[in-house]
Amino acid sequence: MKRYIKNLTPKLEAERQESFKKNIEGATKYLISKLKDLQFFVGESMHDDGSLVFAYYKDGATDPTFLYFAYGLKEVKPTLPLLDL
């Protein structure tokens, strides 16, 4: 986790770096509090500069909830079609 934060910070624009530094401590504390319930996912390369994804099951849920660091994403591509209600 420390290495991921250290590698990600210089890749962010200065404005986003400040926001990232401000929010990462709370996010890390949250993840540590759920550590025993988390599943960890990394990219195929397994490199430190790849993204980290965390999954856990909310109480009574059958599908996992995934957590991403938004600062580490370049873009989001939805894979499911949007429903027209």
Protein backbone atom coordinates (compact mmCIF):
# COMPACT_ATOMS: atom_id res chain seq x y z
CA MET A 1 0.00 0.00 0.00
CA LYS A 2 2.78 2.41 0.92
CA ARG A 3 4.63 1.63 -2.29
CA TYR A 4 1.48 2.12 -4.38
CA ILE A 5 0.87 5.53 -2.79
CA LYS A 6 4.51 6.51 -3.26
CA ASN A 7 4.43 5.49 -6.95
CA LEU A 8 1.06 7.08 -7.71
CA THR A 9 1.60 10.50 -6.11
CA PRO A 10 4.21 11.86 -8.59
CA LYS A 11 2.06 10.75 -11.55
CA LEU A 12 -0.80 13.02 -10.48
CA GLU A 13 -1.18 16.67 -11.42
CA ALA A 14 -0.17 19.03 -8.58
CA GLU A 15 -3.78 19.91 -7.78
CA ARG A 16 -4.80 16.24 -7.59
CA GLN A 17 -1.71 15.40 -5.52
CA GLU A 18 -2.90 17.68 -2.72
CA SER A 19 -6.38 16.19 -2.76
CA PHE A 20 -4.94 12.66 -2.86
CA LYS A 21 -2.63 13.31 0.09
CA LYS A 22 -5.53 14.81 2.03
CA ASN A 23 -7.85 11.82 1.45
CA ILE A 24 -5.51 8.81 1.36
CA GLU A 25 -5.07 8.58 5.14
CA GLY A 26 -8.80 8.14 5.74
CA ALA A 27 -9.08 5.63 2.89
CA THR A 28 -6.15 3.62 4.25
CA LYS A 29 -7.66 3.55 7.75
CA TYR A 30 -10.96 2.34 6.28
CA LEU A 31 -9.22 -0.45 4.36
CA ILE A 32 -7.24 -1.51 7.43
CA SER A 33 -10.47 -1.72 9.44
CA LYS A 34 -11.88 -4.15 6.83
CA LEU A 35 -8.62 -6.03 6.23
CA LYS A 36 -9.90 -9.45 7.30
CA ASP A 37 -12.89 -9.15 4.92
CA LEU A 38 -11.02 -7.86 1.85
CA GLN A 39 -9.95 -9.69 -1.27
CA PHE A 40 -7.10 -8.05 -3.19
CA PHE A 41 -6.73 -7.80 -6.96
CA VAL A 42 -3.81 -6.47 -9.02
CA GLY A 43 -3.12 -6.33 -12.74
CA GLU A 44 -1.54 -9.17 -14.72
CA SER A 45 1.90 -7.59 -14.54
CA MET A 46 1.82 -7.59 -10.70
CA HIS A 47 3.95 -4.40 -10.81
CA ASP A 48 3.86 -1.91 -7.95
CA ASP A 49 2.73 0.85 -10.29
CA GLY A 50 -0.38 -1.10 -11.33
CA SER A 51 -3.75 -0.40 -9.82
CA LEU A 52 -5.06 -2.02 -6.66
CA VAL A 53 -8.64 -3.22 -6.41
CA PHE A 54 -10.30 -4.42 -3.24
CA ALA A 55 -13.49 -6.45 -2.87
CA TYR A 56 -15.64 -7.35 0.11
CA TYR A 57 -19.15 -8.60 0.78
CA LYS A 58 -21.52 -6.27 2.60
CA ASP A 59 -23.64 -7.90 5.31
CA GLY A 60 -25.93 -10.46 3.68
CA ALA A 61 -24.84 -9.60 0.12
CA THR A 62 -24.25 -12.30 -2.47
CA ASP A 63 -22.35 -10.01 -4.84
CA PRO A 64 -19.10 -8.30 -3.86
CA THR A 65 -18.55 -4.57 -3.58
CA PHE A 66 -15.39 -3.41 -5.35
CA LEU A 67 -13.28 -0.49 -4.17
CA TYR A 68 -10.95 1.44 -6.50
CA PHE A 69 -8.69 4.40 -5.92
CA ALA A 70 -10.22 6.96 -8.28
CA TYR A 71 -6.88 8.78 -8.45
CA GLY A 72 -5.30 5.69 -10.02
CA LEU A 73 -7.86 5.41 -12.83
CA LYS A 74 -7.36 7.07 -16.20
CA GLU A 75 -10.93 6.50 -17.33
CA VAL A 76 -13.95 4.39 -16.53
CA LYS A 77 -15.47 2.24 -19.25
CA PRO A 78 -18.82 0.71 -18.32
CA THR A 79 -19.11 -2.88 -19.49
CA LEU A 80 -22.83 -3.29 -18.94
CA PRO A 81 -25.42 -1.59 -21.14
CA LEU A 82 -27.37 1.21 -19.50
CA LEU A 83 -31.00 0.38 -18.84
CA ASP A 84 -33.60 2.64 -20.39
CA LEU A 85 -36.33 2.85 -17.76
